[in-house]
C-alpha atoms as a PDB file:
ATOM      1  CA  MET A   1       9.518 -26.749  -4.362  1.00  0.00           C
ATOM      2  CA  LYS A   2       7.827 -29.881  -2.979  1.00  0.00           C
ATOM      3  CA  LEU A   3      10.409 -32.038  -1.205  1.00  0.00           C
ATOM      4  CA  VAL A   4      10.309 -35.567   0.189  1.00  0.00           C
ATOM      5  CA  SER A   5      12.967 -36.868   2.585  1.00  0.00           C
ATOM      6  CA  ILE A   6      13.391 -40.618   2.996  1.00  0.00           C
ATOM      7  CA  CYS A   7      16.112 -40.542   5.658  1.00  0.00           C
ATOM      8  CA  PRO A   8      16.122 -38.803   9.094  1.00  0.00           C
ATOM      9  CA  SER A   9      19.507 -37.119   8.629  1.00  0.00           C
ATOM     10  CA  ASN A  10      18.346 -35.581   5.343  1.00  0.00           C
ATOM     11  CA  THR A  11      15.206 -34.241   7.032  1.00  0.00           C
ATOM     12  CA  GLU A  12      17.447 -32.592   9.623  1.00  0.00           C
ATOM     13  CA  LEU A  13      19.794 -31.137   7.007  1.00  0.00           C
ATOM     14  CA  LEU A  14      16.805 -29.583   5.233  1.00  0.00           C
ATOM     15  CA  ALA A  15      15.641 -28.071   8.519  1.00  0.00           C
ATOM     16  CA  TYR A  16      18.970 -26.289   8.986  1.00  0.00           C
ATOM     17  CA  LEU A  17      18.489 -24.793   5.523  1.00  0.00           C
ATOM     18  CA  GLY A  18      15.036 -23.502   6.483  1.00  0.00           C
ATOM     19  CA  LEU A  19      13.252 -25.946   4.164  1.00  0.00           C
ATOM     20  CA  THR A  20      11.003 -27.836   6.607  1.00  0.00           C
ATOM     21  CA  SER A  21       7.954 -26.017   5.207  1.00  0.00           C
ATOM     22  CA  SER A  22       8.795 -27.393   1.731  1.00  0.00           C
ATOM     23  CA  LEU A  23       8.555 -31.001   2.917  1.00  0.00           C
ATOM     24  CA  VAL A  24       5.418 -32.885   1.882  1.00  0.00           C
ATOM     25  CA  GLY A  25       6.384 -36.311   3.259  1.00  0.00           C
ATOM     26  CA  VAL A  26       9.077 -38.065   5.295  1.00  0.00           C
ATOM     27  CA  ASP A  27      10.210 -41.548   6.323  1.00  0.00           C
ATOM     28  CA  ASP A  28       8.888 -43.099   9.548  1.00  0.00           C
ATOM     29  CA  PHE A  29      12.036 -42.370  11.576  1.00  0.00           C
ATOM     30  CA  SER A  30      12.291 -38.631  10.889  1.00  0.00           C
ATOM     31  CA  ASP A  31      11.434 -36.971  14.205  1.00  0.00           C
ATOM     32  CA  TRP A  32      13.175 -33.566  14.151  1.00  0.00           C
ATOM     33  CA  PRO A  33      12.205 -30.803  13.962  1.00  0.00           C
ATOM     34  CA  GLU A  34       8.863 -31.289  15.663  1.00  0.00           C
ATOM     35  CA  GLU A  35       6.878 -29.953  12.697  1.00  0.00           C
ATOM     36  CA  VAL A  36       7.733 -33.014  10.582  1.00  0.00           C
ATOM     37  CA  ASN A  37       5.653 -35.207  12.890  1.00  0.00           C
ATOM     38  CA  LYS A  38       2.534 -33.804  11.189  1.00  0.00           C
ATOM     39  CA  LEU A  39       3.658 -34.833   7.707  1.00  0.00           C
ATOM     40  CA  PRO A  40       2.584 -37.972   5.793  1.00  0.00           C
ATOM     41  CA  ARG A  41       4.734 -40.981   6.728  1.00  0.00           C
ATOM     42  CA  LEU A  42       6.207 -43.021   3.915  1.00  0.00           C
ATOM     43  CA  GLY A  43       7.492 -46.100   5.727  1.00  0.00           C
ATOM     44  CA  PRO A  44      10.842 -47.001   7.326  1.00  0.00           C
ATOM     45  CA  ASP A  45      13.925 -45.720   5.528  1.00  0.00           C
ATOM     46  CA  LEU A  46      14.850 -49.227   4.309  1.00  0.00           C
ATOM     47  CA  ASN A  47      11.370 -49.943   2.970  1.00  0.00           C
ATOM     48  CA  ILE A  48       9.846 -46.736   1.629  1.00  0.00           C
ATOM     49  CA  ASN A  49       6.333 -46.990   0.185  1.00  0.00           C
ATOM     50  CA  MET A  50       6.992 -45.627  -3.313  1.00  0.00           C
ATOM     51  CA  ASP A  51       3.291 -45.582  -4.200  1.00  0.00           C
ATOM     52  CA  LYS A  52       2.813 -42.986  -1.463  1.00  0.00           C
ATOM     53  CA  VAL A  53       5.860 -41.046  -2.637  1.00  0.00           C
ATOM     54  CA  GLU A  54       4.487 -40.976  -6.173  1.00  0.00           C
ATOM     55  CA  GLU A  55       1.083 -39.771  -4.962  1.00  0.00           C
ATOM     56  CA  LEU A  56       2.758 -36.734  -3.342  1.00  0.00           C
ATOM     57  CA  GLN A  57       4.211 -35.704  -6.736  1.00  0.00           C
ATOM     58  CA  PRO A  58       7.427 -34.267  -5.267  1.00  0.00           C
ATOM     59  CA  ASP A  59       9.723 -32.003  -7.256  1.00  0.00           C
ATOM     60  CA  LEU A  60      12.655 -33.717  -5.583  1.00  0.00           C
ATOM     61  CA  VAL A  61      13.225 -36.702  -3.291  1.00  0.00           C
ATOM     62  CA  ILE A  62      16.217 -36.397  -0.947  1.00  0.00           C
ATOM     63  CA  ALA A  63      17.636 -39.914  -0.752  1.00  0.00           C
ATOM     64  CA  SER A  64      20.605 -41.525   0.967  1.00  0.00           C
ATOM     65  CA  LEU A  65      22.877 -44.560   0.823  1.00  0.00           C
ATOM     66  CA  SER A  66      24.115 -44.218   4.403  1.00  0.00           C
ATOM     67  CA  VAL A  67      22.722 -47.623   5.455  1.00  0.00           C
ATOM     68  CA  PRO A  68      23.050 -50.914   3.513  1.00  0.00           C
ATOM     69  CA  GLY A  69      19.722 -51.747   1.912  1.00  0.00           C
ATOM     70  CA  MET A  70      18.820 -48.208   0.849  1.00  0.00           C
ATOM     71  CA  GLU A  71      19.831 -49.125  -2.719  1.00  0.00           C
ATOM     72  CA  ARG A  72      16.332 -50.567  -3.170  1.00  0.00           C
ATOM     73  CA  ASN A  73      14.852 -47.085  -2.743  1.00  0.00           C
ATOM     74  CA  ILE A  74      17.117 -45.667  -5.439  1.00  0.00           C
ATOM     75  CA  GLU A  75      16.235 -48.462  -7.873  1.00  0.00           C
ATOM     76  CA  GLU A  76      12.532 -47.825  -7.338  1.00  0.00           C
ATOM     77  CA  LEU A  77      12.872 -44.051  -7.739  1.00  0.00           C
ATOM     78  CA  LYS A  78      14.705 -44.623 -11.021  1.00  0.00           C
ATOM     79  CA  LYS A  79      12.116 -47.103 -12.252  1.00  0.00           C
ATOM     80  CA  ARG A  80       9.273 -44.653 -11.582  1.00  0.00           C
ATOM     81  CA  ASN A  81      11.138 -41.625 -12.977  1.00  0.00           C
ATOM     82  CA  ILE A  82      10.721 -39.742  -9.684  1.00  0.00           C
ATOM     83  CA  PRO A  83      13.312 -36.913  -9.503  1.00  0.00           C
ATOM     84  CA  TYR A  84      15.818 -37.525  -6.720  1.00  0.00           C
ATOM     85  CA  ILE A  85      19.295 -36.755  -5.420  1.00  0.00           C
ATOM     86  CA  ILE A  86      21.507 -38.842  -3.154  1.00  0.00           C
ATOM     87  CA  VAL A  87      23.270 -36.967  -0.362  1.00  0.00           C
ATOM     88  CA  PRO A  88      26.918 -38.160  -0.362  1.00  0.00           C
ATOM     89  CA  LYS A  89      27.651 -40.558   2.502  1.00  0.00           C
ATOM     90  CA  PRO A  90      29.812 -38.684   5.029  1.00  0.00           C
ATOM     91  CA  LYS A  91      32.374 -40.265   7.352  1.00  0.00           C
ATOM     92  CA  THR A  92      33.775 -37.132   9.006  1.00  0.00           C
ATOM     93  CA  LEU A  93      32.255 -34.098  10.689  1.00  0.00           C
ATOM     94  CA  THR A  94      33.639 -31.915   7.893  1.00  0.00           C
ATOM     95  CA  GLU A  95      31.832 -34.054   5.316  1.00  0.00           C
ATOM     96  CA  VAL A  96      28.603 -33.762   7.336  1.00  0.00           C
ATOM     97  CA  GLY A  97      28.950 -29.987   7.083  1.00  0.00           C
ATOM     98  CA  ASP A  98      29.610 -30.250   3.353  1.00  0.00           C
ATOM     99  CA  SER A  99      26.235 -31.986   2.999  1.00  0.00           C
ATOM    100  CA  LEU A 100      24.659 -28.600   3.780  1.00  0.00           C
ATOM    101  CA  LEU A 101      26.332 -27.096   0.715  1.00  0.00           C
ATOM    102  CA  PHE A 102      25.345 -30.064  -1.449  1.00  0.00           C
ATOM    103  CA  LEU A 103      21.688 -29.761  -0.472  1.00  0.00           C
ATOM    104  CA  GLY A 104      21.766 -25.970  -0.640  1.00  0.00           C
ATOM    105  CA  GLU A 105      22.869 -26.138  -4.251  1.00  0.00           C
ATOM    106  CA  ALA A 106      20.249 -28.757  -5.130  1.00  0.00           C
ATOM    107  CA  THR A 107      17.399 -26.740  -3.584  1.00  0.00           C
ATOM    108  CA  ASN A 108      18.386 -23.210  -4.671  1.00  0.00           C
ATOM    109  CA  LYS A 109      19.374 -22.318  -1.101  1.00  0.00           C
ATOM    110  CA  PHE A 110      23.131 -22.124  -1.617  1.00  0.00           C
ATOM    111  CA  ASP A 111      23.581 -18.676  -0.053  1.00  0.00           C
ATOM    112  CA  GLU A 112      21.723 -19.769   3.083  1.00  0.00           C
ATOM    113  CA  ALA A 113      23.705 -23.021   3.116  1.00  0.00           C
ATOM    114  CA  LYS A 114      27.012 -21.124   3.035  1.00  0.00           C
ATOM    115  CA  VAL A 115      26.026 -19.131   6.125  1.00  0.00           C
ATOM    116  CA  VAL A 116      25.035 -22.255   8.096  1.00  0.00           C
ATOM    117  CA  HIS A 117      28.116 -24.118   6.847  1.00  0.00           C
ATOM    118  CA  GLU A 118      30.401 -21.328   8.033  1.00  0.00           C
ATOM    119  CA  ARG A 119      28.748 -21.283  11.468  1.00  0.00           C
ATOM    120  CA  TYR A 120      29.011 -25.095  11.650  1.00  0.00           C
ATOM    121  CA  ASN A 121      32.763 -25.020  10.943  1.00  0.00           C
ATOM    122  CA  SER A 122      33.291 -22.215  13.427  1.00  0.00           C
ATOM    123  CA  ILE A 123      31.684 -24.355  16.183  1.00  0.00           C
ATOM    124  CA  LEU A 124      33.970 -27.271  15.236  1.00  0.00           C
ATOM    125  CA  GLU A 125      36.945 -24.911  15.496  1.00  0.00           C
ATOM    126  CA  GLN A 126      35.771 -23.812  18.941  1.00  0.00           C
ATOM    127  CA  TYR A 127      35.762 -27.455  20.085  1.00  0.00           C
ATOM    128  CA  ARG A 128      39.204 -28.076  18.590  1.00  0.00           C
ATOM    129  CA  SER A 129      40.431 -25.201  20.717  1.00  0.00           C
ATOM    130  CA  LEU A 130      38.664 -26.495  23.847  1.00  0.00           C
ATOM    131  CA  SER A 131      40.090 -30.005  23.344  1.00  0.00           C
ATOM    132  CA  LYS A 132      43.616 -28.577  23.596  1.00  0.00           C
ATOM    133  CA  GLN A 133      42.818 -27.481  27.159  1.00  0.00           C
ATOM    134  CA  VAL A 134      42.145 -31.085  28.249  1.00  0.00           C
ATOM    135  CA  THR A 135      45.054 -32.512  30.251  1.00  0.00           C
ATOM    136  CA  ASP A 136      43.521 -35.901  31.108  1.00  0.00           C
ATOM    137  CA  PRO A 137      41.743 -37.372  28.054  1.00  0.00           C
ATOM    138  CA  LYS A 138      39.281 -40.157  28.899  1.00  0.00           C
ATOM    139  CA  THR A 139      39.119 -43.456  27.028  1.00  0.00           C
ATOM    140  CA  LEU A 140      35.689 -44.155  25.508  1.00  0.00           C
ATOM    141  CA  TYR A 141      33.905 -47.236  24.268  1.00  0.00           C
ATOM    142  CA  TRP A 142      30.980 -46.502  21.946  1.00  0.00           C
ATOM    143  CA  GLU A 143      28.419 -49.255  21.425  1.00  0.00           C
ATOM    144  CA  TRP A 144      26.320 -49.073  18.265  1.00  0.00           C
ATOM    145  CA  TRP A 145      24.848 -52.547  18.563  1.00  0.00           C
ATOM    146  CA  ALA A 146      24.913 -55.250  21.212  1.00  0.00           C
ATOM    147  CA  LYS A 147      24.585 -58.688  19.593  1.00  0.00           C
ATOM    148  CA  PRO A 148      26.963 -58.897  17.880  1.00  0.00           C
ATOM    149  CA  ILE A 149      28.845 -55.899  19.237  1.00  0.00           C
ATOM    150  CA  PHE A 150      29.529 -53.147  16.715  1.00  0.00           C
ATOM    151  CA  THR A 151      31.561 -50.087  17.590  1.00  0.00           C
ATOM    152  CA  PRO A 152      33.034 -47.224  15.542  1.00  0.00           C
ATOM    153  CA  GLY A 153      36.630 -47.458  14.325  1.00  0.00           C
ATOM    154  CA  ALA A 154      39.073 -44.766  13.209  1.00  0.00           C
ATOM    155  CA  ASN A 155      37.273 -43.724  10.029  1.00  0.00           C
ATOM    156  CA  ASN A 156      34.143 -42.531  11.807  1.00  0.00           C
ATOM    157  CA  TRP A 157      32.727 -39.257  13.102  1.00  0.00           C
ATOM    158  CA  LEU A 158      32.321 -40.705  16.628  1.00  0.00           C
ATOM    159  CA  THR A 159      36.095 -41.112  16.862  1.00  0.00           C
ATOM    160  CA  GLU A 160      36.395 -37.473  15.809  1.00  0.00           C
ATOM    161  CA  ILE A 161      33.744 -36.424  18.327  1.00  0.00           C
ATOM    162  CA  SER A 162      35.665 -38.334  21.021  1.00  0.00           C
ATOM    163  CA  LYS A 163      38.818 -36.310  20.329  1.00  0.00           C
ATOM    164  CA  LEU A 164      37.008 -32.983  20.158  1.00  0.00           C
ATOM    165  CA  ALA A 165      35.337 -33.802  23.504  1.00  0.00           C
ATOM    166  CA  GLY A 166      38.633 -34.592  25.227  1.00  0.00           C
ATOM    167  CA  GLY A 167      38.506 -38.359  24.813  1.00  0.00           C
ATOM    168  CA  ILE A 168      40.030 -41.285  22.941  1.00  0.00           C
ATOM    169  CA  ASN A 169      37.981 -43.960  21.189  1.00  0.00           C
ATOM    170  CA  ILE A 170      39.449 -47.273  22.411  1.00  0.00           C
ATOM    171  CA  PHE A 171      38.867 -48.790  18.952  1.00  0.00           C
ATOM    172  CA  GLU A 172      40.551 -46.045  16.944  1.00  0.00           C
ATOM    173  CA  ASP A 173      43.370 -48.512  16.204  1.00  0.00           C
ATOM    174  CA  ASN A 174      40.936 -50.184  13.747  1.00  0.00           C
ATOM    175  CA  SER A 175      40.923 -48.349  10.437  1.00  0.00           C
ATOM    176  CA  GLU A 176      37.403 -49.271   9.353  1.00  0.00           C
ATOM    177  CA  ALA A 177      34.344 -47.129  10.069  1.00  0.00           C
ATOM    178  CA  SER A 178      32.501 -49.881  11.954  1.00  0.00           C
ATOM    179  CA  VAL A 179      34.182 -52.672  13.940  1.00  0.00           C
ATOM    180  CA  LYS A 180      32.635 -56.016  14.885  1.00  0.00           C
ATOM    181  CA  THR A 181      34.069 -57.165  18.215  1.00  0.00           C
ATOM    182  CA  ASP A 182      33.103 -59.032  21.404  1.00  0.00           C
ATOM    183  CA  TRP A 183      32.603 -58.453  25.122  1.00  0.00           C
ATOM    184  CA  ASP A 184      36.025 -59.775  26.112  1.00  0.00           C
ATOM    185  CA  ASP A 185      37.826 -57.435  23.731  1.00  0.00           C
ATOM    186  CA  VAL A 186      35.961 -54.434  25.173  1.00  0.00           C
ATOM    187  CA  ARG A 187      36.676 -55.565  28.735  1.00  0.00           C
ATOM    188  CA  ASN A 188      40.392 -56.025  28.036  1.00  0.00           C
ATOM    189  CA  ARG A 189      40.616 -52.483  26.639  1.00  0.00           C
ATOM    190  CA  ASN A 190      39.139 -51.257  29.951  1.00  0.00           C
ATOM    191  CA  PRO A 191      37.560 -47.918  28.958  1.00  0.00           C
ATOM    192  CA  ASP A 192      37.010 -45.049  31.386  1.00  0.00           C
ATOM    193  CA  ILE A 193      33.605 -44.331  29.843  1.00  0.00           C
ATOM    194  CA  ILE A 194      30.966 -46.478  28.111  1.00  0.00           C
ATOM    195  CA  CYS A 195      28.595 -44.691  25.708  1.00  0.00           C
ATOM    196  CA  VAL A 196      25.639 -46.728  24.454  1.00  0.00           C
ATOM    197  CA  VAL A 197      23.862 -45.479  21.323  1.00  0.00           C
ATOM    198  CA  TRP A 198      22.084 -48.463  19.770  1.00  0.00           C
ATOM    199  CA  VAL A 199      21.150 -47.488  16.212  1.00  0.00           C
ATOM    200  CA  GLY A 200      17.427 -46.966  15.767  1.00  0.00           C
ATOM    201  CA  VAL A 201      16.674 -47.651  19.453  1.00  0.00           C
ATOM    202  CA  GLN A 202      15.241 -44.913  21.648  1.00  0.00           C
ATOM    203  CA  LYS A 203      17.213 -44.109  24.788  1.00  0.00           C
ATOM    204  CA  ASP A 204      14.399 -45.168  27.137  1.00  0.00           C
ATOM    205  CA  LYS A 205      14.227 -48.607  25.473  1.00  0.00           C
ATOM    206  CA  VAL A 206      17.824 -49.477  26.443  1.00  0.00           C
ATOM    207  CA  ASN A 207      18.066 -51.355  29.739  1.00  0.00           C
ATOM    208  CA  PRO A 208      21.494 -50.736  31.356  1.00  0.00           C
ATOM    209  CA  LYS A 209      21.077 -53.905  33.471  1.00  0.00           C
ATOM    210  CA  VAL A 210      21.519 -55.972  30.306  1.00  0.00           C
ATOM    211  CA  ILE A 211      24.938 -54.388  29.825  1.00  0.00           C
ATOM    212  CA  LEU A 212      25.934 -54.663  33.473  1.00  0.00           C
ATOM    213  CA  ARG A 213      25.261 -58.439  33.404  1.00  0.00           C
ATOM    214  CA  ARG A 214      27.962 -59.139  30.809  1.00  0.00           C
ATOM    215  CA  PRO A 215      30.645 -61.525  32.108  1.00  0.00           C
ATOM    216  CA  ASN A 216      33.352 -59.754  34.138  1.00  0.00           C
ATOM    217  CA  TRP A 217      32.374 -56.288  32.972  1.00  0.00           C
ATOM    218  CA  GLU A 218      32.140 -55.202  36.597  1.00  0.00           C
ATOM    219  CA  SER A 219      35.957 -55.152  36.615  1.00  0.00           C
ATOM    220  CA  MET A 220      36.110 -52.321  34.064  1.00  0.00           C
ATOM    221  CA  ASN A 221      36.926 -48.784  35.179  1.00  0.00           C
ATOM    222  CA  ALA A 222      33.778 -47.430  33.527  1.00  0.00           C
ATOM    223  CA  ILE A 223      31.509 -49.761  35.514  1.00  0.00           C
ATOM    224  CA  LYS A 224      33.418 -49.414  38.780  1.00  0.00           C
ATOM    225  CA  ASN A 225      33.218 -45.619  38.541  1.00  0.00           C
ATOM    226  CA  ASN A 226      29.577 -45.548  37.382  1.00  0.00           C
ATOM    227  CA  ARG A 227      30.475 -44.036  33.992  1.00  0.00           C
ATOM    228  CA  LEU A 228      28.041 -45.976  31.821  1.00  0.00           C
ATOM    229  CA  TYR A 229      25.917 -43.549  29.777  1.00  0.00           C
ATOM    230  CA  ILE A 230      22.849 -44.391  27.712  1.00  0.00           C
ATOM    231  CA  LEU A 231      22.799 -41.524  25.217  1.00  0.00           C
ATOM    232  CA  ASP A 232      20.330 -40.080  22.714  1.00  0.00           C
ATOM    233  CA  GLU A 233      21.016 -42.060  19.557  1.00  0.00           C
ATOM    234  CA  PRO A 234      19.823 -39.310  17.151  1.00  0.00           C
ATOM    235  CA  LEU A 235      22.536 -36.953  18.446  1.00  0.00           C
ATOM    236  CA  PHE A 236      25.348 -39.396  17.681  1.00  0.00           C
ATOM    237  CA  CYS A 237      24.337 -41.816  14.913  1.00  0.00           C
ATOM    238  CA  ARG A 238      22.796 -39.627  12.216  1.00  0.00           C
ATOM    239  CA  PRO A 239      25.050 -37.752   9.760  1.00  0.00           C
ATOM    240  CA  SER A 240      23.450 -34.360  10.323  1.00  0.00           C
ATOM    241  CA  PRO A 241      24.557 -31.118  12.024  1.00  0.00           C
ATOM    242  CA  ARG A 242      22.777 -32.285  15.186  1.00  0.00           C
ATOM    243  CA  LEU A 243      26.018 -34.165  15.850  1.00  0.00           C
ATOM    244  CA  LEU A 244      27.182 -30.820  17.269  1.00  0.00           C
ATOM    245  CA  LEU A 245      24.615 -31.270  20.051  1.00  0.00           C
ATOM    246  CA  GLY A 246      26.024 -34.740  20.697  1.00  0.00           C
ATOM    247  CA  LEU A 247      29.520 -33.271  20.825  1.00  0.00           C
ATOM    248  CA  ASN A 248      28.333 -30.682  23.331  1.00  0.00           C
ATOM    249  CA  LYS A 249      26.721 -33.409  25.455  1.00  0.00           C
ATOM    250  CA  ILE A 250      29.692 -35.769  25.599  1.00  0.00           C
ATOM    251  CA  GLY A 251      32.147 -32.918  26.146  1.00  0.00           C
ATOM    252  CA  SER A 252      30.140 -31.667  29.136  1.00  0.00           C
ATOM    253  CA  LEU A 253      30.014 -35.213  30.576  1.00  0.00           C
ATOM    254  CA  LEU A 254      33.746 -35.883  30.199  1.00  0.00           C
ATOM    255  CA  HIS A 255      35.153 -32.492  31.172  1.00  0.00           C
ATOM    256  CA  PRO A 256      32.488 -30.207  32.674  1.00  0.00           C
ATOM    257  CA  ASN A 257      35.204 -27.757  33.741  1.00  0.00           C
ATOM    258  CA  VAL A 258      36.309 -27.253  30.112  1.00  0.00           C
ATOM    259  CA  TYR A 259      33.209 -27.628  27.924  1.00  0.00           C
ATOM    260  CA  PRO A 260      29.938 -25.659  27.935  1.00  0.00           C
ATOM    261  CA  SER A 261      27.052 -27.267  29.819  1.00  0.00           C
ATOM    262  CA  PHE A 262      24.551 -29.175  27.701  1.00  0.00           C
ATOM    263  CA  ASP A 263      21.034 -27.905  27.121  1.00  0.00           C
ATOM    264  CA  GLU A 264      18.983 -30.041  24.732  1.00  0.00           C
ATOM    265  CA  GLN A 265      16.756 -27.072  23.993  1.00  0.00           C
ATOM    266  CA  LYS A 266      19.711 -24.969  22.831  1.00  0.00           C
ATOM    267  CA  ASP A 267      21.095 -25.709  19.390  1.00  0.00           C
ATOM    268  CA  PRO A 268      24.394 -23.837  18.860  1.00  0.00           C
ATOM    269  CA  LEU A 269      23.913 -23.878  15.100  1.00  0.00           C
ATOM    270  CA  LEU A 270      20.497 -22.244  15.311  1.00  0.00           C
ATOM    271  CA  ASN A 271      21.576 -19.762  17.992  1.00  0.00           C
ATOM    272  CA  LYS A 272      18.734 -20.851  20.213  1.00  0.00           C
END
């Protein structure tokens, strides 16, 4: 089966199902696992080059509507009669896991998907258990984008990750998945921890000095206690099972005495 993935999270989901070798092309932002870096690139996920997709003659294109603007890809796939499926847009960690089953069924890998799905849920259960051992939950501010500021609200997997890691998202009182706010609002909420994961921006491209210069932010607990973290965006912002690695990382930062230490080379879902 010749597969094309036009979204990084879908490429990662396929990898967990053992289907990387079936991929014949991916979007420009797909960067895990390492083998996909040798595949033909089809453009950024919001502007896929459909001529290139067509040339690859895929049996199935794995598409997504997780980001506004991806509708254009679907319209073009329809127009060209290229076979495709759309992975349902998840909001929770459970729904991310369910994406494995969805893709497993679509690619004749359902038995394999069930095994990975079960392991995924068992790791989530382990973190639920660990979170109950936390006696001093930390308040967290997650920053998805800087100008204007966007941060996750209650209906978002980062709020769930916060809880499982022994923390509280300071914007969980907002019901929406993504909240537009401002610097003063963040400062007034005075988080213990600041986690910066600018969507689509590599960690080494984020300059913490830009954040530290914001008016009066030096008065916040997070800044005073040097708890500003620039984190790996792919481990927190993509709806794939690699969110478990992000959960491991933030848990080990918040409560190293409770959570297992983080090793980026060790994926708990792959047992390596």
